[in-house]
Amino acid sequence: MIEAVAFDLDGVLLDSEELWDEVREGLARERGGRWHEGAQADMMGMSSREWSVYMHERIGLSEPPEEINAEVVRRMLERYRRELPLIPGAVEAVERLAARWPLGLASSSNRELIDAALEVAGLSRYFRVTVSSEEVERGKPAPDVYLEAATRLGVTPERCAAIEDSQNGIRSAKAARMRVIAIPNPRFPPPREVLAEAAVVIDGIEELSPEAVAG
């Protein structure tokens, strides 16, 4: 029996994966980095510590990772406050599920971005807990962020459902032993074998219902 639900943020509630790509690529090109086609897919699900190290070591930015992280977050916050890329139907989906279960959020985003996005979207009141992968040892696909969300919600992971869109996110929630509802990211679709690990696959968040979550 499902007793709680944990949402991912980027790609599930926010159409922000392309924005992350744009901001990080822009910074890399401004500062002489070696951007490549697979960089965004590589960094999806990484914690801020992990992707800022990736940009320093693999993309070749000379600044230390903490400075890279701070500048990317600054630019993302600026964009969120200008226009939040909220996915149509996301608010209604959160409201539907919050009427039945306590909700958590398990995101690879930085704490400042999580708080800003939920505040601007008017969704803060629906989430009992929010966890950034900054606050755990490992980012997705490790299960740490989902395990921490379940702990804060006071449920065992096996009694928690996760709403995910990406390869690393699905693997993270599955490794945490949660029931996974996948909404494949249209720009960075998970491989077929990863989608097969989800309990349910739906085409869009407008299809996210209590029945799909409960099974």
Protein backbone atom coordinates (compact mmCIF):
# COMPACT_ATOMS: atom_id res chain seq x y z
CA MET A 1 0.00 0.00 0.00
CA ILE A 2 1.31 3.43 -0.94
CA GLU A 3 1.54 5.82 2.01
CA ALA A 4 3.39 8.78 0.47
CA VAL A 5 4.52 10.15 -2.89
CA ALA A 6 7.85 11.75 -3.81
CA PHE A 7 8.08 13.98 -6.88
CA ASP A 8 11.11 14.85 -8.92
CA LEU A 9 11.23 18.54 -9.91
CA ASP A 10 13.13 19.11 -13.17
CA GLY A 11 11.36 17.43 -16.07
CA VAL A 12 8.34 16.43 -13.97
CA LEU A 13 6.98 19.72 -12.62
CA LEU A 14 9.27 22.10 -14.51
CA ASP A 15 10.20 22.02 -18.19
CA SER A 16 13.67 23.04 -17.11
CA GLU A 17 16.07 20.47 -18.53
CA GLU A 18 16.52 22.57 -21.67
CA LEU A 19 17.03 25.67 -19.51
CA TRP A 20 19.75 23.92 -17.47
CA ASP A 21 21.35 22.94 -20.78
CA GLU A 22 21.18 26.50 -22.10
CA VAL A 23 22.62 28.07 -18.94
CA ARG A 24 25.47 25.60 -18.49
CA GLU A 25 26.36 25.56 -22.19
CA GLY A 26 26.30 29.36 -22.27
CA LEU A 27 28.65 29.56 -19.31
CA ALA A 28 30.97 26.94 -20.81
CA ARG A 29 31.20 28.72 -24.15
CA GLU A 30 31.71 32.14 -22.51
CA ARG A 31 34.63 30.80 -20.53
CA GLY A 32 36.36 28.65 -23.11
CA GLY A 33 35.03 25.25 -22.06
CA ARG A 34 34.81 22.17 -24.28
CA TRP A 35 31.04 21.69 -24.45
CA HIS A 36 29.84 18.52 -26.21
CA GLU A 37 26.53 17.07 -27.33
CA GLY A 38 26.25 14.53 -24.51
CA ALA A 39 27.07 16.90 -21.65
CA GLN A 40 23.51 17.63 -20.56
CA ALA A 41 22.48 13.97 -20.62
CA ASP A 42 25.60 13.13 -18.60
CA MET A 43 24.71 15.71 -15.94
CA MET A 44 21.00 14.91 -15.60
CA GLY A 45 20.40 13.78 -12.02
CA MET A 46 23.86 14.70 -10.76
CA SER A 47 24.05 16.69 -7.53
CA SER A 48 25.38 20.24 -7.78
CA ARG A 49 28.70 19.04 -6.36
CA GLU A 50 28.94 16.38 -9.06
CA TRP A 51 27.96 18.46 -12.10
CA SER A 52 30.13 21.42 -11.07
CA VAL A 53 33.12 19.06 -10.81
CA TYR A 54 32.13 17.63 -14.22
CA MET A 55 32.13 21.13 -15.71
CA HIS A 56 35.51 21.87 -14.16
CA GLU A 57 37.19 18.59 -15.10
CA ARG A 58 35.38 17.39 -18.26
CA ILE A 59 34.17 20.65 -19.79
CA GLY A 60 37.38 22.39 -18.83
CA LEU A 61 36.23 25.51 -16.97
CA SER A 62 39.15 26.96 -15.04
CA GLU A 63 37.09 28.24 -12.09
CA PRO A 64 36.78 25.95 -9.05
CA PRO A 65 33.58 23.87 -8.88
CA GLU A 66 32.02 25.97 -6.11
CA GLU A 67 32.29 29.11 -8.26
CA ILE A 68 30.83 27.32 -11.28
CA ASN A 69 27.95 26.09 -9.14
CA ALA A 70 27.23 29.54 -7.71
CA GLU A 71 27.19 31.21 -11.13
CA VAL A 72 24.90 28.60 -12.70
CA VAL A 73 22.48 28.86 -9.77
CA ARG A 74 22.50 32.66 -10.00
CA ARG A 75 21.58 32.51 -13.68
CA MET A 76 18.91 29.85 -13.11
CA LEU A 77 17.29 31.88 -10.31
CA GLU A 78 17.23 34.91 -12.57
CA ARG A 79 15.42 32.93 -15.26
CA TYR A 80 12.95 31.36 -12.79
CA ARG A 81 11.98 34.76 -11.42
CA ARG A 82 11.56 36.13 -14.93
CA GLU A 83 9.42 33.19 -16.12
CA LEU A 84 9.08 29.86 -14.33
CA PRO A 85 8.95 26.99 -16.88
CA LEU A 86 6.06 25.23 -15.15
CA ILE A 87 4.71 22.23 -17.08
CA PRO A 88 1.00 22.61 -17.91
CA GLY A 89 -1.04 20.41 -15.61
CA ALA A 90 1.69 20.14 -12.95
CA VAL A 91 -0.15 22.17 -10.32
CA GLU A 92 -3.35 20.19 -10.79
CA ALA A 93 -1.46 16.87 -10.58
CA VAL A 94 0.19 17.89 -7.30
CA GLU A 95 -3.19 18.95 -5.91
CA ARG A 96 -4.78 15.62 -6.90
CA LEU A 97 -2.12 13.57 -5.16
CA ALA A 98 -1.85 15.86 -2.12
CA ALA A 99 -5.55 15.26 -1.46
CA ARG A 100 -4.75 11.60 -0.80
CA TRP A 101 -1.10 11.31 0.35
CA PRO A 102 1.62 13.34 2.05
CA LEU A 103 4.03 14.58 -0.60
CA GLY A 104 7.78 14.93 -0.71
CA LEU A 105 10.12 16.28 -3.34
CA ALA A 106 13.44 14.61 -4.17
CA SER A 107 15.42 16.77 -6.56
CA SER A 108 18.88 17.15 -7.98
CA SER A 109 18.35 20.92 -8.00
CA ASN A 110 20.07 23.20 -5.54
CA ARG A 111 18.16 24.14 -2.40
CA GLU A 112 17.75 27.76 -3.56
CA LEU A 113 16.20 26.64 -6.84
CA ILE A 114 13.81 24.18 -5.21
CA ASP A 115 12.53 26.80 -2.78
CA ALA A 116 12.22 29.48 -5.45
CA ALA A 117 10.40 27.21 -7.91
CA LEU A 118 7.83 25.97 -5.37
CA GLU A 119 7.24 29.48 -4.07
CA VAL A 120 6.73 31.01 -7.53
CA ALA A 121 4.47 28.10 -8.57
CA GLY A 122 2.42 28.35 -5.36
CA LEU A 123 3.16 24.70 -4.54
CA SER A 124 5.16 25.02 -1.30
CA ARG A 125 2.16 24.26 0.91
CA TYR A 126 1.60 20.87 -0.72
CA PHE A 127 5.03 19.41 0.07
CA ARG A 128 5.69 18.24 3.61
CA VAL A 129 9.37 17.67 2.86
CA THR A 130 11.80 18.66 0.13
CA VAL A 131 15.25 17.17 -0.33
CA SER A 132 18.07 18.43 -2.52
CA SER A 133 20.81 16.06 -3.58
CA GLU A 134 23.15 18.69 -2.10
CA GLU A 135 21.94 17.39 1.27
CA VAL A 136 22.86 13.72 0.73
CA GLU A 137 26.10 11.96 -0.06
CA ARG A 138 25.39 10.94 -3.66
CA GLY A 139 23.19 12.27 -6.45
CA LYS A 140 20.98 10.20 -8.74
CA PRO A 141 21.17 7.40 -9.91
CA ALA A 142 22.18 6.53 -6.33
CA PRO A 143 19.08 6.16 -4.13
CA ASP A 144 20.20 8.61 -1.43
CA VAL A 145 17.86 11.51 -2.20
CA TYR A 146 14.78 9.25 -2.31
CA LEU A 147 15.76 7.38 0.82
CA GLU A 148 16.15 10.68 2.64
CA ALA A 149 12.75 11.87 1.39
CA ALA A 150 11.10 8.67 2.69
CA THR A 151 12.84 9.05 6.04
CA ARG A 152 11.63 12.64 6.41
CA LEU A 153 8.12 11.59 5.38
CA GLY A 154 8.18 8.86 8.02
CA VAL A 155 7.45 5.97 5.64
CA THR A 156 9.43 3.00 4.44
CA PRO A 157 10.65 3.38 0.83
CA GLU A 158 8.63 0.34 -0.25
CA ARG A 159 5.46 2.23 0.69
CA CYS A 160 6.41 5.33 -1.26
CA ALA A 161 5.81 6.08 -4.94
CA ALA A 162 8.18 8.23 -7.00
CA ILE A 163 7.30 10.36 -10.01
CA GLU A 164 10.26 10.53 -12.40
CA ASP A 165 11.16 11.45 -15.98
CA SER A 166 14.84 10.62 -16.54
CA GLN A 167 17.09 7.58 -16.76
CA ASN A 168 19.07 8.49 -13.64
CA GLY A 169 15.93 9.46 -11.73
CA ILE A 170 14.12 6.21 -12.50
CA ARG A 171 17.17 4.21 -11.48
CA SER A 172 17.52 6.25 -8.29
CA ALA A 173 13.92 5.66 -7.19
CA LYS A 174 14.06 2.01 -8.20
CA ALA A 175 17.28 1.53 -6.20
CA ALA A 176 15.43 3.02 -3.22
CA ARG A 177 12.81 0.25 -3.69
CA MET A 178 10.00 2.68 -4.48
CA ARG A 179 7.11 2.18 -6.89
CA VAL A 180 8.13 4.27 -9.91
CA ILE A 181 5.70 6.16 -12.14
CA ALA A 182 7.64 7.32 -15.19
CA ILE A 183 6.76 10.32 -17.36
CA PRO A 184 9.50 10.06 -20.02
CA ASN A 185 11.31 13.29 -20.73
CA PRO A 186 10.57 14.02 -24.42
CA ARG A 187 13.95 15.66 -25.09
CA PHE A 188 16.06 13.17 -23.14
CA PRO A 189 13.94 9.98 -23.20
CA PRO A 190 15.14 7.14 -20.98
CA PRO A 191 16.21 3.95 -22.77
CA ARG A 192 13.54 1.31 -23.19
CA GLU A 193 15.22 -1.02 -20.71
CA VAL A 194 15.16 1.71 -18.04
CA LEU A 195 11.48 2.49 -18.65
CA ALA A 196 10.82 -1.23 -18.20
CA GLU A 197 11.92 -0.83 -14.56
CA ALA A 198 9.01 1.54 -13.85
CA ALA A 199 5.73 0.17 -12.52
CA VAL A 200 3.75 2.56 -14.71
CA VAL A 201 4.68 4.68 -17.74
CA ILE A 202 2.40 7.58 -18.71
CA ASP A 203 2.65 10.09 -21.54
CA GLY A 204 2.24 13.30 -19.54
CA ILE A 205 1.60 14.68 -16.08
CA GLU A 206 -2.04 15.34 -16.93
CA GLU A 207 -2.44 11.54 -16.78
CA LEU A 208 -0.98 11.33 -13.27
CA SER A 209 -3.86 10.10 -11.13
CA PRO A 210 -4.21 8.52 -7.69
CA GLU A 211 -5.19 5.30 -9.45
CA ALA A 212 -1.95 5.23 -11.46
CA VAL A 213 0.07 5.85 -8.31
CA ALA A 214 -1.74 3.32 -6.13
CA GLY A 215 -1.75 0.59 -8.75
